[in-house]
Every structure is written in structure tokens, then in C-alpha cells.
Amino acid sequence: MLLKSDDIKRIEIDFESGVIPPPFSHIFKLKISFERDFINTQFTVHYTDREELSEEEIISEGFTLEDDYDFLGEVPKVWEQPFKTLYANTKWSNKRDLDEDGGIRIFAKDIHGKISRSIPTNQDEWHMLAQEFIQAIYEINQKEAPLTIRYRSIDKETVTNYVLTVKFSVRKVIVEINDQITELGWEESRKLLAFIYLPDYDYEVASDSTPKKRGQYIDCGDGLWHKFGKGVVNLDESFDAISKIHEGFENLNQL
């Protein structure tokens, strides 16, 4: 039974990663209640089946021994409408449970006490919104800083520096171009971020030094510079994500 999105009072999101192996396999649960001035939030994530791995194997994949996490607190109300809008636009599966590939289940309760439990067909959209919300939680609890991406374009006469600061906690993206500051819309930033994380980045040729030679460079948020044409490669030959990245940053000059 689909509830009216405007009447939704509480949403719970259960996620299972499915058959992927440890140390990547995990489950998480988000419980969010829409209060008058904030979103009351409970979040837990647990990484599964790690007992069969050594400490070295876990760390070599970029994880730690303390990746499980719990949060109970308030998240800004700016996140309420995105959840209600997605709920209103969602079509629901007839499946009673998830298959071996895992995914997301949704529990919703409205102001009248009516309850709905179902599996959304638009799994990717729910997963993306949940991941963004989790990043907001990490920022609020100071587990992680806002995501900062740098792009540097050097030609014969000019150097242009772009800095994107993605503040998930308040759903804002600050753009700084050679010390001039403006703001980018959330949906526009989503598209650019999606392009940025599509190519393959060769960390063996990355540098922590600020680039000075001609070319285009990007720091994806970890402090290392990657040079386009040398350490950045499109994974899908049918889609030129690299050109989309260049175009996306150049378009920021029009803001």
C-alpha cells in the first residue's frame, strides 16, 4: 500500500550488499523520523563475514578493523523533501524479499499510523540518496570532512584553479574559481561527480605536488593529483567520461 508522501512521518531503509565478498560485504539500516525542525536519525552499518580474513587482507583493500559505525542524532531538515519526493516517484516491486544480489527494502509510516513495507524498483536512486544521507551523517558527527575536489587547468598563458566543496550535511556545493566563490545546484553537482568517478585513475603516477606544467589535472578528494592523458583512462570505450569532466568544470565559469 503506497502512502501519501506528504503524510510520511517515518522511513526506514534496510540495505544488504548481497553476494559480494568480504571485506566489502555489509548491511546498513537508516531510521529517519521527520520532526518539525530536524530529522531524527538512527544509522548503523555492519561489515559481514570478515572473520575469514586476516587483518592484512582487510587493510590491503582500503578498509580498517573498525568500519562498523553507529549514529543517533539530528540531521538538517533540508533532507526531508528529497526523501518524500523519491518516495512519491517510486514504483514498487511485488517481491516479498530481496534476492541474492541484495538491495534495499523500505518501511514507511504516515501521520495516521498507516504502514507500508515494500521493495522499490528504482534501487539505484534509493541507494544513491541513502549514501548521500550517510555522508551527511559522517560530516555532522565529524567522522569525515566535506568532500573537496580540485581541478587545475594550465595553458600557455593562464592557470585556472577550480575547487568544489560538497557539504552533504546541508546539501550545498560551493564552487571556487581562482578565489571567486559561487554555488552549484545539487543536481548539477551530482552529474559532475558521477562523471568524475567513472574513469580509472592510476595512483602509481599520481603526485601530491601542485601541478605546474601545461595540462589538465584533478584531485578526486584524497590530495593526489592525476594528469589527464597520462594517469586517467576511460573504462568504457563507448562513453568519454573524461571529456564530460573537462566540459563540466569549464561550464562552472558560466555560474
C-alpha atoms as a PDB file:
ATOM      1  CA  MET A   1       0.000   0.000   0.000  1.00  0.00           C
ATOM      2  CA  LEU A   2       1.510   3.299  -1.126  1.00  0.00           C
ATOM      3  CA  LEU A   3       1.211   6.049   1.444  1.00  0.00           C
ATOM      4  CA  LYS A   4       0.826   9.725   0.546  1.00  0.00           C
ATOM      5  CA  SER A   5       4.340  11.171   0.505  1.00  0.00           C
ATOM      6  CA  ASP A   6       3.281  14.421   2.198  1.00  0.00           C
ATOM      7  CA  ASP A   7       1.909  12.405   5.124  1.00  0.00           C
ATOM      8  CA  ILE A   8       5.036  10.292   5.638  1.00  0.00           C
ATOM      9  CA  LYS A   9       6.305  10.595   9.203  1.00  0.00           C
ATOM     10  CA  ARG A  10       8.951   7.882   9.289  1.00  0.00           C
ATOM     11  CA  ILE A  11      11.086   5.975   6.770  1.00  0.00           C
ATOM     12  CA  GLU A  12      13.351   3.017   7.428  1.00  0.00           C
ATOM     13  CA  ILE A  13      15.868   1.827   4.832  1.00  0.00           C
ATOM     14  CA  ASP A  14      17.375  -1.662   5.114  1.00  0.00           C
ATOM     15  CA  PHE A  15      20.275  -2.486   2.804  1.00  0.00           C
ATOM     16  CA  GLU A  16      22.063  -5.778   2.125  1.00  0.00           C
ATOM     17  CA  SER A  17      25.077  -5.927  -0.189  1.00  0.00           C
ATOM     18  CA  GLY A  18      24.213  -9.436  -1.369  1.00  0.00           C
ATOM     19  CA  VAL A  19      26.776 -11.928  -2.636  1.00  0.00           C
ATOM     20  CA  ILE A  20      29.798  -9.617  -2.843  1.00  0.00           C
ATOM     21  CA  PRO A  21      32.695 -10.982  -0.758  1.00  0.00           C
ATOM     22  CA  PRO A  22      34.255  -9.531   2.390  1.00  0.00           C
ATOM     23  CA  PRO A  23      35.680  -7.096   3.281  1.00  0.00           C
ATOM     24  CA  PHE A  24      33.184  -5.287   1.011  1.00  0.00           C
ATOM     25  CA  SER A  25      30.037  -7.135   2.122  1.00  0.00           C
ATOM     26  CA  HIS A  26      27.911  -5.179   4.582  1.00  0.00           C
ATOM     27  CA  ILE A  27      24.443  -4.274   5.759  1.00  0.00           C
ATOM     28  CA  PHE A  28      23.094  -0.939   6.913  1.00  0.00           C
ATOM     29  CA  LYS A  29      19.913   0.427   8.411  1.00  0.00           C
ATOM     30  CA  LEU A  30      18.645   4.010   8.387  1.00  0.00           C
ATOM     31  CA  LYS A  31      15.721   5.057  10.569  1.00  0.00           C
ATOM     32  CA  ILE A  32      14.590   8.622   9.941  1.00  0.00           C
ATOM     33  CA  SER A  33      11.691  10.489  11.536  1.00  0.00           C
ATOM     34  CA  PHE A  34      10.608  13.861  10.186  1.00  0.00           C
ATOM     35  CA  GLU A  35      10.282  16.247  13.107  1.00  0.00           C
ATOM     36  CA  ARG A  36       9.297  19.913  12.995  1.00  0.00           C
ATOM     37  CA  ASP A  37      12.800  21.388  12.751  1.00  0.00           C
ATOM     38  CA  PHE A  38      15.081  18.428  12.033  1.00  0.00           C
ATOM     39  CA  ILE A  39      15.265  14.781  11.013  1.00  0.00           C
ATOM     40  CA  ASN A  40      15.682  12.422  13.961  1.00  0.00           C
ATOM     41  CA  THR A  41      18.143   9.837  12.654  1.00  0.00           C
ATOM     42  CA  GLN A  42      19.459   6.436  13.658  1.00  0.00           C
ATOM     43  CA  PHE A  43      22.081   4.767  11.471  1.00  0.00           C
ATOM     44  CA  THR A  44      24.041   1.530  11.796  1.00  0.00           C
ATOM     45  CA  VAL A  45      26.414  -0.174   9.353  1.00  0.00           C
ATOM     46  CA  HIS A  46      27.966  -3.589   9.885  1.00  0.00           C
ATOM     47  CA  TYR A  47      30.571  -5.280   7.669  1.00  0.00           C
ATOM     48  CA  THR A  48      29.910  -9.002   7.405  1.00  0.00           C
ATOM     49  CA  ASP A  49      31.910 -12.241   7.173  1.00  0.00           C
ATOM     50  CA  ARG A  50      35.248 -10.633   7.965  1.00  0.00           C
ATOM     51  CA  GLU A  51      36.221 -13.333  10.431  1.00  0.00           C
ATOM     52  CA  GLU A  52      37.525 -15.386   7.483  1.00  0.00           C
ATOM     53  CA  LEU A  53      40.015 -12.647   6.523  1.00  0.00           C
ATOM     54  CA  SER A  54      43.324 -11.608   8.044  1.00  0.00           C
ATOM     55  CA  GLU A  55      43.993  -8.074   9.237  1.00  0.00           C
ATOM     56  CA  GLU A  56      46.376  -7.581   6.310  1.00  0.00           C
ATOM     57  CA  GLU A  57      43.749  -8.656   3.783  1.00  0.00           C
ATOM     58  CA  ILE A  58      41.212  -6.192   5.179  1.00  0.00           C
ATOM     59  CA  ILE A  59      43.642  -3.267   5.273  1.00  0.00           C
ATOM     60  CA  SER A  60      45.010  -4.002   1.784  1.00  0.00           C
ATOM     61  CA  GLU A  61      41.531  -3.333   0.368  1.00  0.00           C
ATOM     62  CA  GLY A  62      41.442   0.139   1.925  1.00  0.00           C
ATOM     63  CA  PHE A  63      39.373  -0.766   4.992  1.00  0.00           C
ATOM     64  CA  THR A  64      40.118  -0.775   8.711  1.00  0.00           C
ATOM     65  CA  LEU A  65      39.283  -3.121  11.559  1.00  0.00           C
ATOM     66  CA  GLU A  66      36.759  -0.596  12.903  1.00  0.00           C
ATOM     67  CA  ASP A  67      34.496   0.166   9.943  1.00  0.00           C
ATOM     68  CA  ASP A  68      31.263  -0.693  11.768  1.00  0.00           C
ATOM     69  CA  TYR A  69      29.535   2.520  12.796  1.00  0.00           C
ATOM     70  CA  ASP A  70      26.541   3.743  14.796  1.00  0.00           C
ATOM     71  CA  PHE A  71      24.924   7.176  14.890  1.00  0.00           C
ATOM     72  CA  LEU A  72      21.980   8.637  16.763  1.00  0.00           C
ATOM     73  CA  GLY A  73      21.237  12.326  16.321  1.00  0.00           C
ATOM     74  CA  GLU A  74      19.718  15.143  14.289  1.00  0.00           C
ATOM     75  CA  VAL A  75      20.174  15.867  10.583  1.00  0.00           C
ATOM     76  CA  PRO A  76      19.085  19.183   8.984  1.00  0.00           C
ATOM     77  CA  LYS A  77      15.518  19.311   7.677  1.00  0.00           C
ATOM     78  CA  VAL A  78      16.787  20.134   4.169  1.00  0.00           C
ATOM     79  CA  TRP A  79      16.967  16.346   3.635  1.00  0.00           C
ATOM     80  CA  GLU A  80      13.255  15.758   4.250  1.00  0.00           C
ATOM     81  CA  GLN A  81      11.879  16.743   0.847  1.00  0.00           C
ATOM     82  CA  PRO A  82      14.338  14.636  -1.194  1.00  0.00           C
ATOM     83  CA  PHE A  83      13.166  11.508   0.639  1.00  0.00           C
ATOM     84  CA  LYS A  84       9.477  12.380   0.269  1.00  0.00           C
ATOM     85  CA  THR A  85       9.909  13.257  -3.404  1.00  0.00           C
ATOM     86  CA  LEU A  86      11.712   9.999  -4.144  1.00  0.00           C
ATOM     87  CA  TYR A  87       9.045   8.048  -2.253  1.00  0.00           C
ATOM     88  CA  ALA A  88       6.304   9.748  -4.299  1.00  0.00           C
ATOM     89  CA  ASN A  89       8.075   8.920  -7.570  1.00  0.00           C
ATOM     90  CA  THR A  90       8.894   5.314  -6.725  1.00  0.00           C
ATOM     91  CA  LYS A  91       7.315   2.227  -8.236  1.00  0.00           C
ATOM     92  CA  TRP A  92       7.236  -0.828  -6.029  1.00  0.00           C
ATOM     93  CA  SER A  93       8.109  -4.462  -6.667  1.00  0.00           C
ATOM     94  CA  ASN A  94       5.774  -7.351  -5.920  1.00  0.00           C
ATOM     95  CA  LYS A  95       8.695  -9.276  -4.411  1.00  0.00           C
ATOM     96  CA  ARG A  96       8.412 -10.117  -0.723  1.00  0.00           C
ATOM     97  CA  ASP A  97      12.148 -10.247  -0.139  1.00  0.00           C
ATOM     98  CA  LEU A  98      15.477  -9.415  -1.725  1.00  0.00           C
ATOM     99  CA  ASP A  99      17.300 -11.900  -3.954  1.00  0.00           C
ATOM    100  CA  GLU A 100      20.951 -12.933  -3.652  1.00  0.00           C
ATOM    101  CA  ASP A 101      22.119  -9.662  -5.191  1.00  0.00           C
ATOM    102  CA  GLY A 102      20.831  -7.789  -2.156  1.00  0.00           C
ATOM    103  CA  GLY A 103      19.447  -4.281  -2.313  1.00  0.00           C
ATOM    104  CA  ILE A 104      17.119  -2.002  -0.388  1.00  0.00           C
ATOM    105  CA  ARG A 105      13.835  -2.565   1.446  1.00  0.00           C
ATOM    106  CA  ILE A 106      11.669   0.362   2.571  1.00  0.00           C
ATOM    107  CA  PHE A 107       9.423   0.672   5.598  1.00  0.00           C
ATOM    108  CA  ALA A 108       7.248   3.795   5.800  1.00  0.00           C
ATOM    109  CA  LYS A 109       4.748   5.064   8.342  1.00  0.00           C
ATOM    110  CA  ASP A 110       2.458   8.068   7.941  1.00  0.00           C
ATOM    111  CA  ILE A 111       0.924  10.531  10.389  1.00  0.00           C
ATOM    112  CA  HIS A 112      -2.237   8.398  10.560  1.00  0.00           C
ATOM    113  CA  GLY A 113      -0.349   5.288  11.664  1.00  0.00           C
ATOM    114  CA  LYS A 114      -0.659   3.506   8.317  1.00  0.00           C
ATOM    115  CA  ILE A 115       2.342   1.346   7.419  1.00  0.00           C
ATOM    116  CA  SER A 116       3.879   0.257   4.122  1.00  0.00           C
ATOM    117  CA  ARG A 117       6.649  -2.306   3.596  1.00  0.00           C
ATOM    118  CA  SER A 118       7.979  -2.914   0.100  1.00  0.00           C
ATOM    119  CA  ILE A 119      10.953  -3.181  -2.223  1.00  0.00           C
ATOM    120  CA  PRO A 120      11.467  -0.249  -4.634  1.00  0.00           C
ATOM    121  CA  THR A 121      12.135  -0.976  -8.308  1.00  0.00           C
ATOM    122  CA  ASN A 122      14.392   2.095  -8.576  1.00  0.00           C
ATOM    123  CA  GLN A 123      17.069   0.585  -6.349  1.00  0.00           C
ATOM    124  CA  ASP A 124      19.900   2.789  -7.661  1.00  0.00           C
ATOM    125  CA  GLU A 125      18.072   6.017  -6.820  1.00  0.00           C
ATOM    126  CA  TRP A 126      17.340   4.896  -3.277  1.00  0.00           C
ATOM    127  CA  HIS A 127      20.899   3.695  -2.797  1.00  0.00           C
ATOM    128  CA  MET A 128      22.340   6.982  -4.052  1.00  0.00           C
ATOM    129  CA  LEU A 129      20.107   9.077  -1.783  1.00  0.00           C
ATOM    130  CA  ALA A 130      20.905   6.828   1.186  1.00  0.00           C
ATOM    131  CA  GLN A 131      24.649   7.115   0.531  1.00  0.00           C
ATOM    132  CA  GLU A 132      24.440  10.904   0.305  1.00  0.00           C
ATOM    133  CA  PHE A 133      22.487  10.986   3.557  1.00  0.00           C
ATOM    134  CA  ILE A 134      25.094   8.753   5.206  1.00  0.00           C
ATOM    135  CA  GLN A 135      27.786  11.195   4.085  1.00  0.00           C
ATOM    136  CA  ALA A 136      25.765  13.943   5.769  1.00  0.00           C
ATOM    137  CA  ILE A 137      25.796  11.895   8.972  1.00  0.00           C
ATOM    138  CA  TYR A 138      29.574  11.425   8.742  1.00  0.00           C
ATOM    139  CA  GLU A 139      30.053  15.177   8.350  1.00  0.00           C
ATOM    140  CA  ILE A 140      27.731  16.038  11.230  1.00  0.00           C
ATOM    141  CA  ASN A 141      29.493  13.578  13.531  1.00  0.00           C
ATOM    142  CA  GLN A 142      32.908  14.757  12.235  1.00  0.00           C
ATOM    143  CA  LYS A 143      33.845  11.284  11.061  1.00  0.00           C
ATOM    144  CA  GLU A 144      34.641  12.781   7.655  1.00  0.00           C
ATOM    145  CA  ALA A 145      35.204  16.287   6.313  1.00  0.00           C
ATOM    146  CA  PRO A 146      33.155  17.667   3.395  1.00  0.00           C
ATOM    147  CA  LEU A 147      34.286  16.252   0.055  1.00  0.00           C
ATOM    148  CA  THR A 148      36.719  18.610  -1.690  1.00  0.00           C
ATOM    149  CA  ILE A 149      37.617  18.106  -5.358  1.00  0.00           C
ATOM    150  CA  ARG A 150      40.239  20.200  -7.126  1.00  0.00           C
ATOM    151  CA  TYR A 151      40.697  20.685 -10.860  1.00  0.00           C
ATOM    152  CA  ARG A 152      43.608  22.630 -12.350  1.00  0.00           C
ATOM    153  CA  SER A 153      43.900  23.736 -15.977  1.00  0.00           C
ATOM    154  CA  ILE A 154      47.228  25.141 -17.166  1.00  0.00           C
ATOM    155  CA  ASP A 155      47.814  26.510 -20.651  1.00  0.00           C
ATOM    156  CA  LYS A 156      50.480  28.746 -22.145  1.00  0.00           C
ATOM    157  CA  GLU A 157      49.180  31.963 -20.589  1.00  0.00           C
ATOM    158  CA  THR A 158      46.804  31.136 -17.740  1.00  0.00           C
ATOM    159  CA  VAL A 159      46.281  28.868 -14.761  1.00  0.00           C
ATOM    160  CA  THR A 160      42.702  28.224 -13.657  1.00  0.00           C
ATOM    161  CA  ASN A 161      42.012  26.549 -10.337  1.00  0.00           C
ATOM    162  CA  TYR A 162      38.622  25.065  -9.517  1.00  0.00           C
ATOM    163  CA  VAL A 163      37.639  23.814  -6.068  1.00  0.00           C
ATOM    164  CA  LEU A 164      34.360  22.007  -5.390  1.00  0.00           C
ATOM    165  CA  THR A 165      33.390  21.638  -1.738  1.00  0.00           C
ATOM    166  CA  VAL A 166      30.450  19.266  -1.329  1.00  0.00           C
ATOM    167  CA  LYS A 167      28.692  19.833   2.002  1.00  0.00           C
ATOM    168  CA  PHE A 168      26.385  16.845   2.309  1.00  0.00           C
ATOM    169  CA  SER A 169      25.197  17.914   5.765  1.00  0.00           C
ATOM    170  CA  VAL A 170      23.340  20.903   4.306  1.00  0.00           C
ATOM    171  CA  ARG A 171      23.088  19.788   0.632  1.00  0.00           C
ATOM    172  CA  LYS A 172      25.223  22.629  -0.675  1.00  0.00           C
ATOM    173  CA  VAL A 173      28.079  22.698  -3.165  1.00  0.00           C
ATOM    174  CA  ILE A 174      30.474  25.634  -3.008  1.00  0.00           C
ATOM    175  CA  VAL A 175      32.453  26.438  -6.165  1.00  0.00           C
ATOM    176  CA  GLU A 176      35.679  28.438  -6.010  1.00  0.00           C
ATOM    177  CA  ILE A 177      37.288  29.503  -9.291  1.00  0.00           C
ATOM    178  CA  ASN A 178      40.541  31.416  -8.809  1.00  0.00           C
ATOM    179  CA  ASP A 179      39.283  32.728  -5.447  1.00  0.00           C
ATOM    180  CA  GLN A 180      35.847  33.695  -6.836  1.00  0.00           C
ATOM    181  CA  ILE A 181      33.149  31.859  -4.874  1.00  0.00           C
ATOM    182  CA  THR A 182      29.688  30.819  -6.028  1.00  0.00           C
ATOM    183  CA  GLU A 183      27.278  27.907  -5.520  1.00  0.00           C
ATOM    184  CA  LEU A 184      26.361  24.956  -7.734  1.00  0.00           C
ATOM    185  CA  GLY A 185      22.935  23.314  -7.715  1.00  0.00           C
ATOM    186  CA  TRP A 186      22.782  19.904  -6.039  1.00  0.00           C
ATOM    187  CA  GLU A 187      21.513  18.018  -9.084  1.00  0.00           C
ATOM    188  CA  GLU A 188      24.153  19.608 -11.333  1.00  0.00           C
ATOM    189  CA  SER A 189      26.848  18.595  -8.878  1.00  0.00           C
ATOM    190  CA  ARG A 190      25.517  15.032  -8.856  1.00  0.00           C
ATOM    191  CA  LYS A 191      26.052  14.779 -12.619  1.00  0.00           C
ATOM    192  CA  LEU A 192      29.592  16.144 -12.463  1.00  0.00           C
ATOM    193  CA  LEU A 193      30.533  13.884  -9.548  1.00  0.00           C
ATOM    194  CA  ALA A 194      29.189  10.868 -11.434  1.00  0.00           C
ATOM    195  CA  PHE A 195      31.480  11.683 -14.379  1.00  0.00           C
ATOM    196  CA  ILE A 196      34.482  12.250 -12.092  1.00  0.00           C
ATOM    197  CA  TYR A 197      34.269   8.774 -10.600  1.00  0.00           C
ATOM    198  CA  LEU A 198      33.781   6.902 -13.888  1.00  0.00           C
ATOM    199  CA  PRO A 199      37.376   6.791 -15.252  1.00  0.00           C
ATOM    200  CA  ASP A 200      40.229   4.667 -13.952  1.00  0.00           C
ATOM    201  CA  TYR A 201      42.868   6.646 -12.040  1.00  0.00           C
ATOM    202  CA  ASP A 202      46.445   5.331 -11.986  1.00  0.00           C
ATOM    203  CA  TYR A 203      47.722   6.076  -8.494  1.00  0.00           C
ATOM    204  CA  GLU A 204      51.221   4.909  -9.359  1.00  0.00           C
ATOM    205  CA  VAL A 205      51.750   8.036 -11.458  1.00  0.00           C
ATOM    206  CA  ALA A 206      49.729  10.425  -9.262  1.00  0.00           C
ATOM    207  CA  SER A 207      51.522  13.226  -7.414  1.00  0.00           C
ATOM    208  CA  ASP A 208      50.983  15.101  -4.166  1.00  0.00           C
ATOM    209  CA  SER A 209      52.745  18.175  -5.598  1.00  0.00           C
ATOM    210  CA  THR A 210      50.725  21.022  -7.104  1.00  0.00           C
ATOM    211  CA  PRO A 211      50.996  20.716 -10.926  1.00  0.00           C
ATOM    212  CA  LYS A 212      52.965  23.414 -12.751  1.00  0.00           C
ATOM    213  CA  LYS A 213      53.285  22.068 -16.321  1.00  0.00           C
ATOM    214  CA  ARG A 214      50.714  22.564 -19.079  1.00  0.00           C
ATOM    215  CA  GLY A 215      47.724  20.241 -18.966  1.00  0.00           C
ATOM    216  CA  GLN A 216      44.590  19.426 -17.006  1.00  0.00           C
ATOM    217  CA  TYR A 217      44.742  17.785 -13.599  1.00  0.00           C
ATOM    218  CA  ILE A 218      42.296  16.564 -10.979  1.00  0.00           C
ATOM    219  CA  ASP A 219      42.418  15.707  -7.278  1.00  0.00           C
ATOM    220  CA  CYS A 220      39.404  13.494  -6.530  1.00  0.00           C
ATOM    221  CA  GLY A 221      39.427  14.308  -2.830  1.00  0.00           C
ATOM    222  CA  ASP A 222      42.413  12.397  -1.469  1.00  0.00           C
ATOM    223  CA  GLY A 223      45.091  15.051  -2.055  1.00  0.00           C
ATOM    224  CA  LEU A 224      46.707  13.359  -5.069  1.00  0.00           C
ATOM    225  CA  TRP A 225      46.856  14.979  -8.498  1.00  0.00           C
ATOM    226  CA  HIS A 226      46.079  12.938 -11.614  1.00  0.00           C
ATOM    227  CA  LYS A 227      47.057  14.243 -15.055  1.00  0.00           C
ATOM    228  CA  PHE A 228      44.599  13.746 -17.884  1.00  0.00           C
ATOM    229  CA  GLY A 229      46.238  11.971 -20.806  1.00  0.00           C
ATOM    230  CA  LYS A 230      48.665  10.188 -18.501  1.00  0.00           C
ATOM    231  CA  GLY A 231      47.010   8.773 -15.406  1.00  0.00           C
ATOM    232  CA  VAL A 232      43.290   8.960 -16.246  1.00  0.00           C
ATOM    233  CA  VAL A 233      41.662   6.432 -18.591  1.00  0.00           C
ATOM    234  CA  ASN A 234      38.058   5.902 -19.709  1.00  0.00           C
ATOM    235  CA  LEU A 235      36.897   2.459 -18.611  1.00  0.00           C
ATOM    236  CA  ASP A 236      34.089   2.349 -21.165  1.00  0.00           C
ATOM    237  CA  GLU A 237      35.312   2.974 -24.713  1.00  0.00           C
ATOM    238  CA  SER A 238      31.768   3.839 -25.793  1.00  0.00           C
ATOM    239  CA  PHE A 239      31.480   6.740 -23.322  1.00  0.00           C
ATOM    240  CA  ASP A 240      34.010   9.560 -22.992  1.00  0.00           C
ATOM    241  CA  ALA A 241      33.696  10.463 -19.318  1.00  0.00           C
ATOM    242  CA  ILE A 242      36.954  12.439 -19.444  1.00  0.00           C
ATOM    243  CA  SER A 243      35.507  14.917 -21.943  1.00  0.00           C
ATOM    244  CA  LYS A 244      32.434  15.263 -19.723  1.00  0.00           C
ATOM    245  CA  ILE A 245      34.679  16.116 -16.768  1.00  0.00           C
ATOM    246  CA  HIS A 246      36.500  18.828 -18.727  1.00  0.00           C
ATOM    247  CA  GLU A 247      33.204  20.203 -20.026  1.00  0.00           C
ATOM    248  CA  GLY A 248      31.652  20.138 -16.564  1.00  0.00           C
ATOM    249  CA  PHE A 249      34.414  22.207 -14.991  1.00  0.00           C
ATOM    250  CA  GLU A 250      34.589  24.651 -17.905  1.00  0.00           C
ATOM    251  CA  ASN A 251      30.833  25.195 -17.583  1.00  0.00           C
ATOM    252  CA  LEU A 252      31.336  26.308 -13.995  1.00  0.00           C
ATOM    253  CA  ASN A 253      32.697  29.552 -15.430  1.00  0.00           C
ATOM    254  CA  GLN A 254      29.136  30.385 -16.503  1.00  0.00           C
ATOM    255  CA  LEU A 255      27.717  30.291 -12.967  1.00  0.00           C
END
